[in-house]
């Protein structure tokens, strides 16, 4: 009796673990810390992060999501007839696959090529002239659907951009503007903080800081109780190095919190977990 029971118990554990692993692939999330292991939170769902398509299961491509996080594109996410079938910011390319837009190859995930139709593709998906092969016909796509870039002149910090290739190197384009990349706030000009935008960390521009409501802040940031646009967090690992996750669940510099990690508001007071987080109205 005891041996069959032990076998049954082991089988139950195996089934439970298998179910748990399957569930983690589609677990809803708000922060990276909501996801298991190396998974990332993008478009509200936990998924496999990637740097190149080789990091993904066979047949899947590494794509850049709207928040600049790089994730493995699921098979059900890559087929399309029109761009509205694709998840933002992907478009429906001439081969009826949802793809990232680009101006040059540096705008694509590593290892991919910017095709003549201004969409990212694996080297095996283009011909010798970088034309994207049209599915089933053996033909190639021309220059359809190119995004409007900044043109010949490169942009400085704060310049309005669509792609990182619009900006002077080593600036990157995120939140619609050229930004300085940072590891922590010490990499930024005095008074600026290093903020997390997807898988990028950039110096927050002065025009992106002040707020009355969360709708005043760039995407992914909220208006905190000190009327500054800040990253949300559950624990400090969700913030940049040397930053603290406050009791009001926003990231802050050590100089911006008291001894109990309460965010210091501008009138000299502090806010705890009960008084946090900006309104989402407005």
C-alpha atoms as a PDB file:
ATOM      1  CA  UNK A   1       0.000   0.000   0.000  1.00  0.00           C
ATOM      2  CA  UNK A   2       2.691   2.478   0.935  1.00  0.00           C
ATOM      3  CA  UNK A   3       4.653   2.012  -2.331  1.00  0.00           C
ATOM      4  CA  UNK A   4       1.675   2.734  -4.660  1.00  0.00           C
ATOM      5  CA  UNK A   5       0.788   5.736  -2.537  1.00  0.00           C
ATOM      6  CA  UNK A   6       4.328   7.039  -2.846  1.00  0.00           C
ATOM      7  CA  UNK A   7       4.182   6.604  -6.637  1.00  0.00           C
ATOM      8  CA  UNK A   8       0.831   8.364  -6.769  1.00  0.00           C
ATOM      9  CA  UNK A   9       2.233  11.206  -4.672  1.00  0.00           C
ATOM     10  CA  UNK A  10       5.265  11.584  -6.937  1.00  0.00           C
ATOM     11  CA  UNK A  11       3.046  11.614 -10.019  1.00  0.00           C
ATOM     12  CA  UNK A  12       0.917  14.326  -8.433  1.00  0.00           C
ATOM     13  CA  UNK A  13       3.995  16.456  -7.800  1.00  0.00           C
ATOM     14  CA  UNK A  14       5.174  15.993 -11.399  1.00  0.00           C
ATOM     15  CA  UNK A  15       1.742  16.987 -12.754  1.00  0.00           C
ATOM     16  CA  UNK A  16       1.645  20.014 -10.439  1.00  0.00           C
ATOM     17  CA  UNK A  17       5.112  21.131 -11.503  1.00  0.00           C
ATOM     18  CA  UNK A  18       4.271  20.706 -15.186  1.00  0.00           C
ATOM     19  CA  UNK A  19       1.100  22.735 -14.747  1.00  0.00           C
ATOM     20  CA  UNK A  20       3.000  25.415 -12.884  1.00  0.00           C
ATOM     21  CA  UNK A  21       5.629  25.683 -15.618  1.00  0.00           C
ATOM     22  CA  UNK A  22       2.974  25.945 -18.302  1.00  0.00           C
ATOM     23  CA  UNK A  23       1.076  28.613 -16.374  1.00  0.00           C
ATOM     24  CA  UNK A  24       4.158  30.780 -15.968  1.00  0.00           C
ATOM     25  CA  UNK A  25       4.360  31.240 -19.754  1.00  0.00           C
ATOM     26  CA  UNK A  26       1.116  33.222 -19.752  1.00  0.00           C
ATOM     27  CA  UNK A  27       1.027  34.608 -16.218  1.00  0.00           C
ATOM     28  CA  UNK A  28      -0.383  38.129 -16.094  1.00  0.00           C
ATOM     29  CA  UNK A  29       2.019  40.653 -14.601  1.00  0.00           C
ATOM     30  CA  UNK A  30       2.710  44.267 -13.791  1.00  0.00           C
ATOM     31  CA  UNK A  31       6.369  44.052 -12.760  1.00  0.00           C
ATOM     32  CA  UNK A  32       9.312  41.842 -13.651  1.00  0.00           C
ATOM     33  CA  UNK A  33       9.281  40.604 -10.072  1.00  0.00           C
ATOM     34  CA  UNK A  34       5.812  39.101 -10.762  1.00  0.00           C
ATOM     35  CA  UNK A  35       7.418  36.681 -13.232  1.00  0.00           C
ATOM     36  CA  UNK A  36       9.370  33.510 -12.587  1.00  0.00           C
ATOM     37  CA  UNK A  37      13.118  33.205 -13.087  1.00  0.00           C
ATOM     38  CA  UNK A  38      14.475  35.045 -16.112  1.00  0.00           C
ATOM     39  CA  UNK A  39      11.050  35.800 -17.573  1.00  0.00           C
ATOM     40  CA  UNK A  40      10.155  39.422 -18.303  1.00  0.00           C
ATOM     41  CA  UNK A  41       6.891  41.318 -18.012  1.00  0.00           C
ATOM     42  CA  UNK A  42       5.752  42.851 -21.276  1.00  0.00           C
ATOM     43  CA  UNK A  43       2.314  43.708 -22.627  1.00  0.00           C
ATOM     44  CA  UNK A  44       0.883  42.493 -19.311  1.00  0.00           C
ATOM     45  CA  UNK A  45       2.166  38.935 -19.648  1.00  0.00           C
ATOM     46  CA  UNK A  46       5.232  37.027 -18.436  1.00  0.00           C
ATOM     47  CA  UNK A  47       7.307  35.665 -21.300  1.00  0.00           C
ATOM     48  CA  UNK A  48      10.765  34.527 -22.285  1.00  0.00           C
ATOM     49  CA  UNK A  49      13.198  37.392 -22.659  1.00  0.00           C
ATOM     50  CA  UNK A  50      15.801  37.325 -25.415  1.00  0.00           C
ATOM     51  CA  UNK A  51      18.723  39.175 -26.946  1.00  0.00           C
ATOM     52  CA  UNK A  52      18.760  37.250 -30.224  1.00  0.00           C
ATOM     53  CA  UNK A  53      16.363  34.791 -31.855  1.00  0.00           C
ATOM     54  CA  UNK A  54      18.703  31.923 -30.902  1.00  0.00           C
ATOM     55  CA  UNK A  55      17.554  32.510 -27.299  1.00  0.00           C
ATOM     56  CA  UNK A  56      14.005  31.529 -28.328  1.00  0.00           C
ATOM     57  CA  UNK A  57      12.376  28.146 -28.991  1.00  0.00           C
ATOM     58  CA  UNK A  58      12.793  26.851 -32.550  1.00  0.00           C
ATOM     59  CA  UNK A  59      10.729  28.850 -35.041  1.00  0.00           C
ATOM     60  CA  UNK A  60      10.248  31.866 -32.774  1.00  0.00           C
ATOM     61  CA  UNK A  61      11.810  35.281 -33.359  1.00  0.00           C
ATOM     62  CA  UNK A  62      13.116  37.827 -30.870  1.00  0.00           C
ATOM     63  CA  UNK A  63      11.077  41.035 -31.211  1.00  0.00           C
ATOM     64  CA  UNK A  64      11.154  44.422 -29.482  1.00  0.00           C
ATOM     65  CA  UNK A  65       7.928  45.303 -27.643  1.00  0.00           C
ATOM     66  CA  UNK A  66       6.516  48.823 -27.191  1.00  0.00           C
ATOM     67  CA  UNK A  67       8.359  49.231 -23.876  1.00  0.00           C
ATOM     68  CA  UNK A  68      11.641  48.213 -25.586  1.00  0.00           C
ATOM     69  CA  UNK A  69      11.677  44.837 -23.827  1.00  0.00           C
ATOM     70  CA  UNK A  70      12.901  42.058 -26.125  1.00  0.00           C
ATOM     71  CA  UNK A  71      10.733  38.940 -26.011  1.00  0.00           C
ATOM     72  CA  UNK A  72      10.246  35.723 -27.954  1.00  0.00           C
ATOM     73  CA  UNK A  73       7.312  36.125 -30.342  1.00  0.00           C
ATOM     74  CA  UNK A  74       4.784  33.314 -29.960  1.00  0.00           C
ATOM     75  CA  UNK A  75       3.626  31.552 -33.156  1.00  0.00           C
ATOM     76  CA  UNK A  76       0.071  32.861 -32.655  1.00  0.00           C
ATOM     77  CA  UNK A  77       1.447  36.412 -32.580  1.00  0.00           C
ATOM     78  CA  UNK A  78       3.295  36.467 -35.895  1.00  0.00           C
ATOM     79  CA  UNK A  79       0.635  35.904 -38.583  1.00  0.00           C
ATOM     80  CA  UNK A  80      -1.285  38.862 -40.004  1.00  0.00           C
ATOM     81  CA  UNK A  81      -3.262  40.282 -42.885  1.00  0.00           C
ATOM     82  CA  UNK A  82      -3.136  43.933 -41.780  1.00  0.00           C
ATOM     83  CA  UNK A  83      -1.066  45.772 -39.152  1.00  0.00           C
ATOM     84  CA  UNK A  84      -4.014  45.939 -36.749  1.00  0.00           C
ATOM     85  CA  UNK A  85      -3.630  42.149 -36.395  1.00  0.00           C
ATOM     86  CA  UNK A  86      -0.204  42.746 -34.790  1.00  0.00           C
ATOM     87  CA  UNK A  87       0.709  43.808 -31.285  1.00  0.00           C
ATOM     88  CA  UNK A  88       1.943  47.409 -31.042  1.00  0.00           C
ATOM     89  CA  UNK A  89       4.566  48.441 -32.193  1.00  0.00           C
ATOM     90  CA  UNK A  90       4.834  45.622 -34.762  1.00  0.00           C
ATOM     91  CA  UNK A  91       3.447  46.030 -38.286  1.00  0.00           C
ATOM     92  CA  UNK A  92       2.255  43.525 -40.862  1.00  0.00           C
ATOM     93  CA  UNK A  93       5.129  43.129 -43.312  1.00  0.00           C
ATOM     94  CA  UNK A  94       4.855  42.104 -46.976  1.00  0.00           C
ATOM     95  CA  UNK A  95       5.266  38.421 -46.034  1.00  0.00           C
ATOM     96  CA  UNK A  96       2.218  38.699 -43.723  1.00  0.00           C
ATOM     97  CA  UNK A  97       4.257  38.370 -40.575  1.00  0.00           C
ATOM     98  CA  UNK A  98       4.207  40.832 -37.687  1.00  0.00           C
ATOM     99  CA  UNK A  99       7.617  42.493 -37.563  1.00  0.00           C
ATOM    100  CA  UNK A 100       9.492  45.396 -35.979  1.00  0.00           C
ATOM    101  CA  UNK A 101       9.996  48.500 -38.101  1.00  0.00           C
ATOM    102  CA  UNK A 102      13.471  49.879 -38.741  1.00  0.00           C
ATOM    103  CA  UNK A 103      15.556  52.402 -40.619  1.00  0.00           C
ATOM    104  CA  UNK A 104      18.848  50.531 -40.272  1.00  0.00           C
ATOM    105  CA  UNK A 105      19.817  47.176 -38.773  1.00  0.00           C
ATOM    106  CA  UNK A 106      20.825  48.698 -35.421  1.00  0.00           C
ATOM    107  CA  UNK A 107      17.104  49.328 -34.828  1.00  0.00           C
ATOM    108  CA  UNK A 108      16.490  45.546 -34.885  1.00  0.00           C
ATOM    109  CA  UNK A 109      17.247  42.913 -32.247  1.00  0.00           C
ATOM    110  CA  UNK A 110      20.840  41.657 -32.519  1.00  0.00           C
ATOM    111  CA  UNK A 111      21.467  39.327 -35.441  1.00  0.00           C
ATOM    112  CA  UNK A 112      18.571  40.653 -37.521  1.00  0.00           C
ATOM    113  CA  UNK A 113      18.697  42.747 -40.694  1.00  0.00           C
ATOM    114  CA  UNK A 114      16.696  45.821 -41.680  1.00  0.00           C
ATOM    115  CA  UNK A 115      15.176  44.746 -44.990  1.00  0.00           C
ATOM    116  CA  UNK A 116      14.446  47.044 -47.939  1.00  0.00           C
ATOM    117  CA  UNK A 117      10.830  47.165 -46.760  1.00  0.00           C
ATOM    118  CA  UNK A 118      12.055  48.707 -43.494  1.00  0.00           C
ATOM    119  CA  UNK A 119      11.134  45.737 -41.324  1.00  0.00           C
ATOM    120  CA  UNK A 120      13.427  43.512 -39.267  1.00  0.00           C
ATOM    121  CA  UNK A 121      14.102  39.978 -40.454  1.00  0.00           C
ATOM    122  CA  UNK A 122      16.458  37.062 -39.922  1.00  0.00           C
ATOM    123  CA  UNK A 123      19.267  36.810 -42.523  1.00  0.00           C
ATOM    124  CA  UNK A 124      17.634  33.599 -43.808  1.00  0.00           C
ATOM    125  CA  UNK A 125      14.440  35.553 -44.594  1.00  0.00           C
ATOM    126  CA  UNK A 126      16.012  38.005 -47.041  1.00  0.00           C
ATOM    127  CA  UNK A 127      17.789  37.684 -50.396  1.00  0.00           C
ATOM    128  CA  UNK A 128      21.272  38.956 -51.256  1.00  0.00           C
ATOM    129  CA  UNK A 129      19.855  42.464 -51.705  1.00  0.00           C
ATOM    130  CA  UNK A 130      18.099  42.387 -48.291  1.00  0.00           C
ATOM    131  CA  UNK A 131      14.675  42.087 -49.920  1.00  0.00           C
ATOM    132  CA  UNK A 132      12.191  40.273 -47.700  1.00  0.00           C
ATOM    133  CA  UNK A 133      10.887  37.077 -49.309  1.00  0.00           C
ATOM    134  CA  UNK A 134       7.114  37.160 -49.806  1.00  0.00           C
ATOM    135  CA  UNK A 135       5.535  34.025 -48.394  1.00  0.00           C
ATOM    136  CA  UNK A 136       4.710  31.299 -50.904  1.00  0.00           C
ATOM    137  CA  UNK A 137       5.436  33.286 -54.061  1.00  0.00           C
ATOM    138  CA  UNK A 138       9.218  33.268 -54.055  1.00  0.00           C
ATOM    139  CA  UNK A 139       9.077  36.976 -54.867  1.00  0.00           C
ATOM    140  CA  UNK A 140      10.433  39.858 -52.866  1.00  0.00           C
ATOM    141  CA  UNK A 141       8.831  42.852 -51.294  1.00  0.00           C
ATOM    142  CA  UNK A 142       9.593  46.382 -52.357  1.00  0.00           C
ATOM    143  CA  UNK A 143       9.757  49.449 -50.168  1.00  0.00           C
ATOM    144  CA  UNK A 144       6.333  49.318 -48.542  1.00  0.00           C
ATOM    145  CA  UNK A 145       5.276  50.691 -45.208  1.00  0.00           C
ATOM    146  CA  UNK A 146       8.450  52.537 -44.226  1.00  0.00           C
ATOM    147  CA  UNK A 147       8.144  54.553 -41.010  1.00  0.00           C
ATOM    148  CA  UNK A 148       8.814  58.248 -41.053  1.00  0.00           C
ATOM    149  CA  UNK A 149      12.253  58.814 -39.548  1.00  0.00           C
ATOM    150  CA  UNK A 150      14.047  62.005 -38.660  1.00  0.00           C
ATOM    151  CA  UNK A 151      15.933  62.111 -41.954  1.00  0.00           C
ATOM    152  CA  UNK A 152      19.575  62.936 -42.550  1.00  0.00           C
ATOM    153  CA  UNK A 153      20.443  64.979 -39.456  1.00  0.00           C
ATOM    154  CA  UNK A 154      20.959  63.061 -36.231  1.00  0.00           C
ATOM    155  CA  UNK A 155      19.246  64.293 -33.083  1.00  0.00           C
ATOM    156  CA  UNK A 156      20.690  65.331 -29.722  1.00  0.00           C
ATOM    157  CA  UNK A 157      19.298  64.627 -26.230  1.00  0.00           C
ATOM    158  CA  UNK A 158      15.591  65.463 -26.067  1.00  0.00           C
ATOM    159  CA  UNK A 159      15.100  65.430 -29.834  1.00  0.00           C
ATOM    160  CA  UNK A 160      11.827  63.861 -31.031  1.00  0.00           C
ATOM    161  CA  UNK A 161      12.593  60.470 -32.603  1.00  0.00           C
ATOM    162  CA  UNK A 162      11.040  57.273 -33.855  1.00  0.00           C
ATOM    163  CA  UNK A 163      14.068  54.978 -33.914  1.00  0.00           C
ATOM    164  CA  UNK A 164      17.461  54.921 -32.187  1.00  0.00           C
ATOM    165  CA  UNK A 165      19.085  55.469 -35.582  1.00  0.00           C
ATOM    166  CA  UNK A 166      17.477  58.946 -35.566  1.00  0.00           C
ATOM    167  CA  UNK A 167      19.695  59.914 -32.599  1.00  0.00           C
ATOM    168  CA  UNK A 168      23.387  60.712 -32.313  1.00  0.00           C
ATOM    169  CA  UNK A 169      25.297  57.702 -30.976  1.00  0.00           C
ATOM    170  CA  UNK A 170      25.280  56.448 -28.284  1.00  0.00           C
ATOM    171  CA  UNK A 171      21.859  57.969 -27.547  1.00  0.00           C
ATOM    172  CA  UNK A 172      18.780  55.757 -27.782  1.00  0.00           C
ATOM    173  CA  UNK A 173      15.226  56.555 -28.778  1.00  0.00           C
ATOM    174  CA  UNK A 174      12.626  55.812 -26.131  1.00  0.00           C
ATOM    175  CA  UNK A 175       9.469  57.575 -24.979  1.00  0.00           C
ATOM    176  CA  UNK A 176       9.622  59.349 -28.346  1.00  0.00           C
ATOM    177  CA  UNK A 177      12.854  61.247 -27.543  1.00  0.00           C
ATOM    178  CA  UNK A 178      16.616  60.717 -27.658  1.00  0.00           C
ATOM    179  CA  UNK A 179      17.990  59.738 -24.233  1.00  0.00           C
ATOM    180  CA  UNK A 180      21.296  59.034 -22.518  1.00  0.00           C
ATOM    181  CA  UNK A 181      21.670  55.396 -21.467  1.00  0.00           C
ATOM    182  CA  UNK A 182      22.569  54.849 -17.798  1.00  0.00           C
ATOM    183  CA  UNK A 183      23.328  52.155 -15.255  1.00  0.00           C
ATOM    184  CA  UNK A 184      22.405  54.347 -12.305  1.00  0.00           C
ATOM    185  CA  UNK A 185      21.687  58.009 -11.631  1.00  0.00           C
ATOM    186  CA  UNK A 186      25.400  58.793 -11.231  1.00  0.00           C
ATOM    187  CA  UNK A 187      25.654  58.407 -15.026  1.00  0.00           C
ATOM    188  CA  UNK A 188      23.152  61.251 -15.545  1.00  0.00           C
ATOM    189  CA  UNK A 189      23.477  65.053 -15.452  1.00  0.00           C
ATOM    190  CA  UNK A 190      23.003  66.598 -11.997  1.00  0.00           C
ATOM    191  CA  UNK A 191      19.390  66.441 -10.856  1.00  0.00           C
ATOM    192  CA  UNK A 192      18.349  63.724 -13.322  1.00  0.00           C
ATOM    193  CA  UNK A 193      17.439  60.185 -12.329  1.00  0.00           C
ATOM    194  CA  UNK A 194      18.035  56.911 -14.135  1.00  0.00           C
ATOM    195  CA  UNK A 195      14.651  55.380 -14.957  1.00  0.00           C
ATOM    196  CA  UNK A 196      13.650  51.969 -16.300  1.00  0.00           C
ATOM    197  CA  UNK A 197      11.808  51.830 -19.615  1.00  0.00           C
ATOM    198  CA  UNK A 198      11.301  48.181 -20.552  1.00  0.00           C
ATOM    199  CA  UNK A 199      14.775  46.669 -20.859  1.00  0.00           C
ATOM    200  CA  UNK A 200      16.377  50.113 -21.220  1.00  0.00           C
ATOM    201  CA  UNK A 201      17.612  52.405 -18.476  1.00  0.00           C
ATOM    202  CA  UNK A 202      17.864  56.066 -19.471  1.00  0.00           C
ATOM    203  CA  UNK A 203      18.352  59.476 -17.863  1.00  0.00           C
ATOM    204  CA  UNK A 204      14.964  61.078 -17.236  1.00  0.00           C
ATOM    205  CA  UNK A 205      14.663  64.413 -19.017  1.00  0.00           C
ATOM    206  CA  UNK A 206      13.532  67.446 -16.958  1.00  0.00           C
ATOM    207  CA  UNK A 207      10.407  67.679 -19.161  1.00  0.00           C
ATOM    208  CA  UNK A 208       9.486  64.115 -18.132  1.00  0.00           C
ATOM    209  CA  UNK A 209       9.688  64.700 -14.389  1.00  0.00           C
ATOM    210  CA  UNK A 210       6.957  67.002 -13.022  1.00  0.00           C
ATOM    211  CA  UNK A 211       3.329  65.884 -12.861  1.00  0.00           C
ATOM    212  CA  UNK A 212      -0.038  66.405 -11.256  1.00  0.00           C
ATOM    213  CA  UNK A 213      -1.551  63.127 -12.528  1.00  0.00           C
ATOM    214  CA  UNK A 214      -0.147  59.882 -13.887  1.00  0.00           C
ATOM    215  CA  UNK A 215      -1.504  60.837 -17.304  1.00  0.00           C
ATOM    216  CA  UNK A 216       1.094  63.648 -17.266  1.00  0.00           C
ATOM    217  CA  UNK A 217       3.886  61.038 -17.168  1.00  0.00           C
ATOM    218  CA  UNK A 218       5.457  59.044 -19.996  1.00  0.00           C
ATOM    219  CA  UNK A 219       4.181  55.502 -20.433  1.00  0.00           C
ATOM    220  CA  UNK A 220       5.205  53.070 -17.669  1.00  0.00           C
ATOM    221  CA  UNK A 221       5.772  55.839 -15.094  1.00  0.00           C
ATOM    222  CA  UNK A 222       3.243  57.085 -12.535  1.00  0.00           C
ATOM    223  CA  UNK A 223       2.830  60.397 -10.721  1.00  0.00           C
ATOM    224  CA  UNK A 224       4.086  59.781  -7.200  1.00  0.00           C
ATOM    225  CA  UNK A 225       3.031  61.670  -4.075  1.00  0.00           C
ATOM    226  CA  UNK A 226       5.899  64.159  -4.504  1.00  0.00           C
ATOM    227  CA  UNK A 227       4.507  65.057  -7.954  1.00  0.00           C
ATOM    228  CA  UNK A 228       7.370  63.444  -9.814  1.00  0.00           C
ATOM    229  CA  UNK A 229       6.996  60.798 -12.529  1.00  0.00           C
ATOM    230  CA  UNK A 230       8.571  57.627 -11.155  1.00  0.00           C
ATOM    231  CA  UNK A 231       8.937  53.925 -11.879  1.00  0.00           C
ATOM    232  CA  UNK A 232       6.672  51.627  -9.914  1.00  0.00           C
ATOM    233  CA  UNK A 233       8.144  48.741  -7.939  1.00  0.00           C
ATOM    234  CA  UNK A 234       7.413  45.951  -5.530  1.00  0.00           C
ATOM    235  CA  UNK A 235      10.964  45.542  -4.264  1.00  0.00           C
ATOM    236  CA  UNK A 236      14.198  47.455  -4.885  1.00  0.00           C
ATOM    237  CA  UNK A 237      15.365  44.993  -7.558  1.00  0.00           C
ATOM    238  CA  UNK A 238      12.643  46.498  -9.777  1.00  0.00           C
ATOM    239  CA  UNK A 239      14.536  49.827  -9.600  1.00  0.00           C
ATOM    240  CA  UNK A 240      17.971  50.860 -10.863  1.00  0.00           C
ATOM    241  CA  UNK A 241      21.059  50.040  -8.769  1.00  0.00           C
ATOM    242  CA  UNK A 242      21.400  52.295  -5.695  1.00  0.00           C
ATOM    243  CA  UNK A 243      17.714  53.252  -5.861  1.00  0.00           C
ATOM    244  CA  UNK A 244      15.187  52.235  -3.227  1.00  0.00           C
ATOM    245  CA  UNK A 245      11.641  50.909  -3.559  1.00  0.00           C
ATOM    246  CA  UNK A 246       9.788  53.184  -1.149  1.00  0.00           C
ATOM    247  CA  UNK A 247       6.890  52.268   1.101  1.00  0.00           C
ATOM    248  CA  UNK A 248       4.639  53.891  -1.518  1.00  0.00           C
ATOM    249  CA  UNK A 249       5.947  51.417  -4.136  1.00  0.00           C
ATOM    250  CA  UNK A 250       7.858  53.869  -6.329  1.00  0.00           C
ATOM    251  CA  UNK A 251      11.590  54.036  -7.066  1.00  0.00           C
ATOM    252  CA  UNK A 252      13.567  56.891  -5.510  1.00  0.00           C
ATOM    253  CA  UNK A 253      17.105  58.027  -4.779  1.00  0.00           C
ATOM    254  CA  UNK A 254      18.329  57.457  -1.185  1.00  0.00           C
ATOM    255  CA  UNK A 255      18.319  61.255  -0.664  1.00  0.00           C
ATOM    256  CA  UNK A 256      14.601  61.336  -1.503  1.00  0.00           C
ATOM    257  CA  UNK A 257      13.462  59.018   1.308  1.00  0.00           C
ATOM    258  CA  UNK A 258      13.569  59.127   5.094  1.00  0.00           C
ATOM    259  CA  UNK A 259      15.078  56.521   7.422  1.00  0.00           C
ATOM    260  CA  UNK A 260      11.974  54.329   7.017  1.00  0.00           C
ATOM    261  CA  UNK A 261      12.036  54.478   3.192  1.00  0.00           C
ATOM    262  CA  UNK A 262       9.060  56.840   3.084  1.00  0.00           C
ATOM    263  CA  UNK A 263       9.114  59.187   0.099  1.00  0.00           C
ATOM    264  CA  UNK A 264       9.791  62.793   1.135  1.00  0.00           C
ATOM    265  CA  UNK A 265       7.171  65.092  -0.399  1.00  0.00           C
ATOM    266  CA  UNK A 266       7.890  68.630  -1.469  1.00  0.00           C
ATOM    267  CA  UNK A 267       6.349  70.357   1.573  1.00  0.00           C
ATOM    268  CA  UNK A 268       8.891  68.595   3.747  1.00  0.00           C
ATOM    269  CA  UNK A 269       6.565  65.830   4.915  1.00  0.00           C
ATOM    270  CA  UNK A 270       6.704  62.148   4.068  1.00  0.00           C
ATOM    271  CA  UNK A 271       4.293  59.684   2.560  1.00  0.00           C
ATOM    272  CA  UNK A 272       3.865  56.074   3.591  1.00  0.00           C
ATOM    273  CA  UNK A 273       2.115  53.217   1.833  1.00  0.00           C
ATOM    274  CA  UNK A 274      -1.285  54.687   2.589  1.00  0.00           C
ATOM    275  CA  UNK A 275      -0.580  58.014   0.930  1.00  0.00           C
ATOM    276  CA  UNK A 276       1.261  56.925  -2.166  1.00  0.00           C
ATOM    277  CA  UNK A 277       0.968  56.842  -5.847  1.00  0.00           C
ATOM    278  CA  UNK A 278      -0.409  59.578  -8.020  1.00  0.00           C
ATOM    279  CA  UNK A 279      -3.928  59.700  -9.285  1.00  0.00           C
ATOM    280  CA  UNK A 280      -4.550  58.187 -12.691  1.00  0.00           C
ATOM    281  CA  UNK A 281      -7.165  60.768 -13.495  1.00  0.00           C
ATOM    282  CA  UNK A 282      -6.741  63.839 -15.632  1.00  0.00           C
END
